[in-house]
PDB file of N, CA and C in Angstrom:
ATOM      1  N   MET A   1     107.048  83.127  89.089  1.00  0.00           N
ATOM      2  CA  MET A   1     107.535  84.355  88.480  1.00  0.00           C
ATOM      3  C   MET A   1     108.430  83.973  87.307  1.00  0.00           C
ATOM      4  N   ASN A   2     108.289  84.688  86.199  1.00  0.00           N
ATOM      5  CA  ASN A   2     109.193  84.458  85.082  1.00  0.00           C
ATOM      6  C   ASN A   2     110.243  85.576  85.038  1.00  0.00           C
ATOM      7  N   CYS A   3     111.180  85.454  84.114  1.00  0.00           N
ATOM      8  CA  CYS A   3     112.290  86.406  84.038  1.00  0.00           C
ATOM      9  C   CYS A   3     111.825  87.824  83.717  1.00  0.00           C
ATOM     10  N   ASN A   4     110.815  87.967  82.860  1.00  0.00           N
ATOM     11  CA  ASN A   4     110.309  89.306  82.533  1.00  0.00           C
ATOM     12  C   ASN A   4     109.725  89.993  83.760  1.00  0.00           C
ATOM     13  N   GLU A   5     108.968  89.259  84.550  1.00  0.00           N
ATOM     14  CA  GLU A   5     108.406  89.830  85.785  1.00  0.00           C
ATOM     15  C   GLU A   5     109.535  90.197  86.745  1.00  0.00           C
ATOM     16  N   PHE A   6     110.538  89.350  86.833  1.00  0.00           N
ATOM     17  CA  PHE A   6     111.689  89.596  87.701  1.00  0.00           C
ATOM     18  C   PHE A   6     112.342  90.931  87.354  1.00  0.00           C
ATOM     19  N   VAL A   7     112.627  91.122  86.062  1.00  0.00           N
ATOM     20  CA  VAL A   7     113.286  92.348  85.602  1.00  0.00           C
ATOM     21  C   VAL A   7     112.453  93.578  85.958  1.00  0.00           C
ATOM     22  N   GLU A   8     111.145  93.474  85.814  1.00  0.00           N
ATOM     23  CA  GLU A   8     110.262  94.595  86.126  1.00  0.00           C
ATOM     24  C   GLU A   8     110.284  94.974  87.612  1.00  0.00           C
ATOM     25  N   LEU A   9     110.630  94.016  88.472  1.00  0.00           N
ATOM     26  CA  LEU A   9     110.563  94.246  89.918  1.00  0.00           C
ATOM     27  C   LEU A   9     111.912  94.521  90.575  1.00  0.00           C
ATOM     28  N   VAL A  10     112.999  94.501  89.816  1.00  0.00           N
ATOM     29  CA  VAL A  10     114.333  94.647  90.408  1.00  0.00           C
ATOM     30  C   VAL A  10     114.471  95.934  91.208  1.00  0.00           C
ATOM     31  N   THR A  11     114.065  97.043  90.654  1.00  0.00           N
ATOM     32  CA  THR A  11     114.228  98.321  91.351  1.00  0.00           C
ATOM     33  C   THR A  11     113.447  98.344  92.660  1.00  0.00           C
ATOM     34  N   GLU A  12     112.209  97.870  92.621  1.00  0.00           N
ATOM     35  CA  GLU A  12     111.413  97.834  93.852  1.00  0.00           C
ATOM     36  C   GLU A  12     112.046  96.897  94.886  1.00  0.00           C
ATOM     37  N   PHE A  13     112.593  95.781  94.426  1.00  0.00           N
ATOM     38  CA  PHE A  13     113.268  94.853  95.333  1.00  0.00           C
ATOM     39  C   PHE A  13     114.452  95.532  96.008  1.00  0.00           C
ATOM     40  N   LEU A  14     115.283  96.182  95.228  1.00  0.00           N
ATOM     41  CA  LEU A  14     116.466  96.846  95.790  1.00  0.00           C
ATOM     42  C   LEU A  14     116.089  98.002  96.709  1.00  0.00           C
ATOM     43  N   ASP A  15     114.947  98.607  96.466  1.00  0.00           N
ATOM     44  CA  ASP A  15     114.463  99.695  97.333  1.00  0.00           C
ATOM     45  C   ASP A  15     113.750  99.172  98.580  1.00  0.00           C
ATOM     46  N   GLY A  16     113.557  97.848  98.657  1.00  0.00           N
ATOM     47  CA  GLY A  16     112.827  97.276  99.786  1.00  0.00           C
ATOM     48  C   GLY A  16     111.350  97.602  99.752  1.00  0.00           C
ATOM     49  N   ALA A  17     110.821  97.803  98.543  1.00  0.00           N
ATOM     50  CA  ALA A  17     109.440  98.264  98.403  1.00  0.00           C
ATOM     51  C   ALA A  17     108.481  97.199  97.860  1.00  0.00           C
ATOM     52  N   LEU A  18     108.938  95.966  97.732  1.00  0.00           N
ATOM     53  CA  LEU A  18     108.046  94.916  97.230  1.00  0.00           C
ATOM     54  C   LEU A  18     107.114  94.430  98.335  1.00  0.00           C
ATOM     55  N   PRO A  19     105.869  94.188  97.999  1.00  0.00           N
ATOM     56  CA  PRO A  19     104.977  93.527  98.954  1.00  0.00           C
ATOM     57  C   PRO A  19     105.563  92.153  99.314  1.00  0.00           C
ATOM     58  N   GLU A  20     105.248  91.671 100.489  1.00  0.00           N
ATOM     59  CA  GLU A  20     105.837  90.438 101.007  1.00  0.00           C
ATOM     60  C   GLU A  20     105.698  89.251 100.042  1.00  0.00           C
ATOM     61  N   ASP A  21     104.523  89.052  99.473  1.00  0.00           N
ATOM     62  CA  ASP A  21     104.319  87.936  98.545  1.00  0.00           C
ATOM     63  C   ASP A  21     105.178  88.066  97.291  1.00  0.00           C
ATOM     64  N   ASP A  22     105.277  89.270  96.754  1.00  0.00           N
ATOM     65  CA  ASP A  22     106.110  89.487  95.571  1.00  0.00           C
ATOM     66  C   ASP A  22     107.590  89.289  95.895  1.00  0.00           C
ATOM     67  N   GLU A  23     108.004  89.742  97.066  1.00  0.00           N
ATOM     68  CA  GLU A  23     109.403  89.557  97.462  1.00  0.00           C
ATOM     69  C   GLU A  23     109.730  88.070  97.592  1.00  0.00           C
ATOM     70  N   ARG A  24     108.823  87.306  98.160  1.00  0.00           N
ATOM     71  CA  ARG A  24     109.032  85.860  98.297  1.00  0.00           C
ATOM     72  C   ARG A  24     109.177  85.213  96.927  1.00  0.00           C
ATOM     73  N   ARG A  25     108.283  85.551  96.009  1.00  0.00           N
ATOM     74  CA  ARG A  25     108.345  85.005  94.651  1.00  0.00           C
ATOM     75  C   ARG A  25     109.629  85.439  93.938  1.00  0.00           C
ATOM     76  N   PHE A  26     110.037  86.682  94.161  1.00  0.00           N
ATOM     77  CA  PHE A  26     111.258  87.224  93.573  1.00  0.00           C
ATOM     78  C   PHE A  26     112.461  86.413  94.037  1.00  0.00           C
ATOM     79  N   ILE A  27     112.557  86.197  95.326  1.00  0.00           N
ATOM     80  CA  ILE A  27     113.686  85.453  95.897  1.00  0.00           C
ATOM     81  C   ILE A  27     113.667  83.993  95.455  1.00  0.00           C
ATOM     82  N   GLU A  28     112.485  83.402  95.376  1.00  0.00           N
ATOM     83  CA  GLU A  28     112.379  82.023  94.892  1.00  0.00           C
ATOM     84  C   GLU A  28     112.875  81.924  93.450  1.00  0.00           C
ATOM     85  N   HIS A  29     112.482  82.871  92.623  1.00  0.00           N
ATOM     86  CA  HIS A  29     112.942  82.868  91.235  1.00  0.00           C
ATOM     87  C   HIS A  29     114.456  83.050  91.180  1.00  0.00           C
ATOM     88  N   LEU A  30     114.965  83.956  91.971  1.00  0.00           N
ATOM     89  CA  LEU A  30     116.393  84.229  92.013  1.00  0.00           C
ATOM     90  C   LEU A  30     117.186  82.968  92.364  1.00  0.00           C
ATOM     91  N   ALA A  31     116.665  82.181  93.278  1.00  0.00           N
ATOM     92  CA  ALA A  31     117.340  80.957  93.704  1.00  0.00           C
ATOM     93  C   ALA A  31     117.401  79.908  92.592  1.00  0.00           C
ATOM     94  N   GLU A  32     116.490  80.007  91.630  1.00  0.00           N
ATOM     95  CA  GLU A  32     116.398  79.008  90.564  1.00  0.00           C
ATOM     96  C   GLU A  32     116.940  79.471  89.219  1.00  0.00           C
ATOM     97  N   CYS A  33     117.225  80.733  89.056  1.00  0.00           N
ATOM     98  CA  CYS A  33     117.567  81.272  87.735  1.00  0.00           C
ATOM     99  C   CYS A  33     118.920  81.995  87.771  1.00  0.00           C
ATOM    100  N   SER A  34     119.926  81.348  87.232  1.00  0.00           N
ATOM    101  CA  SER A  34     121.261  81.951  87.248  1.00  0.00           C
ATOM    102  C   SER A  34     121.328  83.204  86.362  1.00  0.00           C
ATOM    103  N   GLY A  35     120.513  83.252  85.305  1.00  0.00           N
ATOM    104  CA  GLY A  35     120.495  84.433  84.450  1.00  0.00           C
ATOM    105  C   GLY A  35     120.013  85.662  85.194  1.00  0.00           C
ATOM    106  N   CYS A  36     118.969  85.492  85.988  1.00  0.00           N
ATOM    107  CA  CYS A  36     118.448  86.620  86.770  1.00  0.00           C
ATOM    108  C   CYS A  36     119.382  86.969  87.925  1.00  0.00           C
ATOM    109  N   GLU A  37     120.068  85.975  88.442  1.00  0.00           N
ATOM    110  CA  GLU A  37     121.072  86.248  89.480  1.00  0.00           C
ATOM    111  C   GLU A  37     122.174  87.142  88.903  1.00  0.00           C
ATOM    112  N   THR A  38     122.611  86.830  87.700  1.00  0.00           N
ATOM    113  CA  THR A  38     123.627  87.641  87.015  1.00  0.00           C
ATOM    114  C   THR A  38     123.088  89.042  86.744  1.00  0.00           C
ATOM    115  N   TYR A  39     121.841  89.131  86.287  1.00  0.00           N
ATOM    116  CA  TYR A  39     121.220  90.423  86.001  1.00  0.00           C
ATOM    117  C   TYR A  39     121.184  91.292  87.261  1.00  0.00           C
ATOM    118  N   LEU A  40     120.752  90.712  88.371  1.00  0.00           N
ATOM    119  CA  LEU A  40     120.679  91.461  89.626  1.00  0.00           C
ATOM    120  C   LEU A  40     122.060  91.927  90.061  1.00  0.00           C
ATOM    121  N   ASP A  41     123.073  91.073  89.913  1.00  0.00           N
ATOM    122  CA  ASP A  41     124.440  91.444  90.260  1.00  0.00           C
ATOM    123  C   ASP A  41     124.925  92.605  89.394  1.00  0.00           C
ATOM    124  N   GLN A  42     124.640  92.540  88.098  1.00  0.00           N
ATOM    125  CA  GLN A  42     125.031  93.633  87.200  1.00  0.00           C
ATOM    126  C   GLN A  42     124.316  94.925  87.559  1.00  0.00           C
ATOM    127  N   PHE A  43     123.060  94.827  87.928  1.00  0.00           N
ATOM    128  CA  PHE A  43     122.278  95.997  88.334  1.00  0.00           C
ATOM    129  C   PHE A  43     122.903  96.636  89.575  1.00  0.00           C
ATOM    130  N   ARG A  44     123.259  95.801  90.543  1.00  0.00           N
ATOM    131  CA  ARG A  44     123.888  96.309  91.773  1.00  0.00           C
ATOM    132  C   ARG A  44     125.225  96.970  91.470  1.00  0.00           C
ATOM    133  N   ARG A  45     126.016  96.361  90.590  1.00  0.00           N
ATOM    134  CA  ARG A  45     127.316  96.942  90.231  1.00  0.00           C
ATOM    135  C   ARG A  45     127.139  98.271  89.510  1.00  0.00           C
ATOM    136  N   THR A  46     126.146  98.358  88.647  1.00  0.00           N
ATOM    137  CA  THR A  46     125.882  99.609  87.935  1.00  0.00           C
ATOM    138  C   THR A  46     125.524 100.719  88.920  1.00  0.00           C
ATOM    139  N   ILE A  47     124.684 100.402  89.882  1.00  0.00           N
ATOM    140  CA  ILE A  47     124.295 101.389  90.896  1.00  0.00           C
ATOM    141  C   ILE A  47     125.510 101.836  91.698  1.00  0.00           C
ATOM    142  N   ALA A  48     126.344 100.881  92.104  1.00  0.00           N
ATOM    143  CA  ALA A  48     127.534 101.217  92.885  1.00  0.00           C
ATOM    144  C   ALA A  48     128.496 102.082  92.074  1.00  0.00           C
ATOM    145  N   THR A  49     128.701 101.733  90.813  1.00  0.00           N
ATOM    146  CA  THR A  49     129.611 102.493  89.962  1.00  0.00           C
ATOM    147  C   THR A  49     129.073 103.894  89.694  1.00  0.00           C
ATOM    148  N   ALA A  50     127.804 103.992  89.399  1.00  0.00           N
ATOM    149  CA  ALA A  50     127.202 105.301  89.136  1.00  0.00           C
ATOM    150  C   ALA A  50     127.280 106.192  90.368  1.00  0.00           C
ATOM    151  N   GLY A  51     127.185 105.592  91.537  1.00  0.00           N
ATOM    152  CA  GLY A  51     127.273 106.359  92.776  1.00  0.00           C
ATOM    153  C   GLY A  51     128.653 106.933  93.021  1.00  0.00           C
ATOM    154  N   GLU A  52     129.665 106.397  92.339  1.00  0.00           N
ATOM    155  CA  GLU A  52     131.034 106.882  92.496  1.00  0.00           C
ATOM    156  C   GLU A  52     131.371 108.012  91.534  1.00  0.00           C
ATOM    157  N   LEU A  53     130.509 108.245  90.556  1.00  0.00           N
ATOM    158  CA  LEU A  53     130.787 109.294  89.577  1.00  0.00           C
ATOM    159  C   LEU A  53     130.595 110.674  90.193  1.00  0.00           C
ATOM    160  N   THR A  54     131.452 111.573  89.796  1.00  0.00           N
ATOM    161  CA  THR A  54     131.322 112.971  90.208  1.00  0.00           C
ATOM    162  C   THR A  54     131.230 113.820  88.952  1.00  0.00           C
ATOM    163  N   PRO A  55     130.660 115.000  89.058  1.00  0.00           N
ATOM    164  CA  PRO A  55     130.573 115.866  87.877  1.00  0.00           C
ATOM    165  C   PRO A  55     131.940 116.144  87.256  1.00  0.00           C
ATOM    166  N   ASP A  56     132.970 116.231  88.078  1.00  0.00           N
ATOM    167  CA  ASP A  56     134.312 116.509  87.564  1.00  0.00           C
ATOM    168  C   ASP A  56     134.981 115.266  86.991  1.00  0.00           C
ATOM    169  N   GLY A  57     134.412 114.089  87.257  1.00  0.00           N
ATOM    170  CA  GLY A  57     135.019 112.844  86.815  1.00  0.00           C
ATOM    171  C   GLY A  57     134.640 112.433  85.408  1.00  0.00           C
ATOM    172  N   ILE A  58     133.887 113.242  84.703  1.00  0.00           N
ATOM    173  CA  ILE A  58     133.455 112.913  83.349  1.00  0.00           C
ATOM    174  C   ILE A  58     133.822 114.069  82.423  1.00  0.00           C
ATOM    175  N   SER A  59     134.311 113.726  81.255  1.00  0.00           N
ATOM    176  CA  SER A  59     134.716 114.776  80.321  1.00  0.00           C
ATOM    177  C   SER A  59     133.491 115.546  79.827  1.00  0.00           C
ATOM    178  N   ALA A  60     133.728 116.742  79.362  1.00  0.00           N
ATOM    179  CA  ALA A  60     132.640 117.577  78.855  1.00  0.00           C
ATOM    180  C   ALA A  60     131.970 116.912  77.654  1.00  0.00           C
ATOM    181  N   ASP A  61     132.770 116.260  76.810  1.00  0.00           N
ATOM    182  CA  ASP A  61     132.217 115.589  75.638  1.00  0.00           C
ATOM    183  C   ASP A  61     131.315 114.425  76.054  1.00  0.00           C
ATOM    184  N   ALA A  62     131.777 113.620  76.995  1.00  0.00           N
ATOM    185  CA  ALA A  62     130.972 112.490  77.467  1.00  0.00           C
ATOM    186  C   ALA A  62     129.697 112.982  78.140  1.00  0.00           C
ATOM    187  N   ARG A  63     129.810 114.043  78.909  1.00  0.00           N
ATOM    188  CA  ARG A  63     128.639 114.629  79.567  1.00  0.00           C
ATOM    189  C   ARG A  63     127.602 115.070  78.531  1.00  0.00           C
ATOM    190  N   ASP A  64     128.064 115.765  77.489  1.00  0.00           N
ATOM    191  CA  ASP A  64     127.159 116.235  76.441  1.00  0.00           C
ATOM    192  C   ASP A  64     126.492 115.064  75.718  1.00  0.00           C
ATOM    193  N   GLN A  65     127.243 113.995  75.460  1.00  0.00           N
ATOM    194  CA  GLN A  65     126.680 112.825  74.796  1.00  0.00           C
ATOM    195  C   GLN A  65     125.609 112.170  75.663  1.00  0.00           C
ATOM    196  N   LEU A  66     125.887 112.045  76.958  1.00  0.00           N
ATOM    197  CA  LEU A  66     124.904 111.449  77.864  1.00  0.00           C
ATOM    198  C   LEU A  66     123.635 112.289  77.944  1.00  0.00           C
ATOM    199  N   LEU A  67     123.813 113.581  78.118  1.00  0.00           N
ATOM    200  CA  LEU A  67     122.643 114.460  78.200  1.00  0.00           C
ATOM    201  C   LEU A  67     121.841 114.421  76.903  1.00  0.00           C
ATOM    202  N   GLY A  68     122.533 114.369  75.763  1.00  0.00           N
ATOM    203  CA  GLY A  68     121.845 114.272  74.479  1.00  0.00           C
ATOM    204  C   GLY A  68     121.071 112.974  74.356  1.00  0.00           C
ATOM    205  N   ALA A  69     121.661 111.889  74.819  1.00  0.00           N
ATOM    206  CA  ALA A  69     120.987 110.586  74.752  1.00  0.00           C
ATOM    207  C   ALA A  69     119.715 110.604  75.586  1.00  0.00           C
ATOM    208  N   PHE A  70     119.765 111.190  76.771  1.00  0.00           N
ATOM    209  CA  PHE A  70     118.579 111.243  77.619  1.00  0.00           C
ATOM    210  C   PHE A  70     117.536 112.206  77.062  1.00  0.00           C
ATOM    211  N   ARG A  71     117.973 113.298  76.462  1.00  0.00           N
ATOM    212  CA  ARG A  71     117.038 114.239  75.855  1.00  0.00           C
ATOM    213  C   ARG A  71     116.272 113.592  74.712  1.00  0.00           C
ATOM    214  N   ASP A  72     116.965 112.798  73.918  1.00  0.00           N
ATOM    215  CA  ASP A  72     116.380 112.161  72.743  1.00  0.00           C
ATOM    216  C   ASP A  72     115.669 110.864  73.068  1.00  0.00           C
ATOM    217  N   TRP A  73     115.809 110.358  74.259  1.00  0.00           N
ATOM    218  CA  TRP A  73     115.298 109.042  74.628  1.00  0.00           C
ATOM    219  C   TRP A  73     113.803 108.904  74.384  1.00  0.00           C
ATOM    220  N   LYS A  74     113.003 109.841  74.798  1.00  0.00           N
ATOM    221  CA  LYS A  74     111.549 109.744  74.649  1.00  0.00           C
ATOM    222  C   LYS A  74     111.099 109.987  73.219  1.00  0.00           C
ATOM    223  N   ARG A  75     111.940 110.570  72.410  1.00  0.00           N
ATOM    224  CA  ARG A  75     111.579 110.849  71.020  1.00  0.00           C
ATOM    225  C   ARG A  75     111.648 109.608  70.152  1.00  0.00           C
ATOM    226  N   GLN A  76     112.347 108.587  70.596  1.00  0.00           N
ATOM    227  CA  GLN A  76     112.529 107.385  69.782  1.00  0.00           C
ATOM    228  C   GLN A  76     111.411 106.423  69.895  1.00  0.00           C
TER     229      GLN A  76
END
C-alpha cells in the first residue's frame, strides 16, 4: 500500500469497514510510515474536536463562512 491508497482508506478504517485484507495492508503501511501515522493521528484529533462543537459554540460569522465554503465547494 502506498500513502495515497492509505489516505483514501482512512475513513473506512476508522469506521471498521475495511475488508480484512485491506485492513491488514493498512496496518502494515501504518507501521512503516511515520507520515501516515501522523496523518491518522491528525484525522482522529479532528474528529474528536469536531464532535465537541455545539451550535452555540461558534459565532454567527464563523458559521456563515463555513456554510458558504461548503456551498461553494462543488462549484470550484
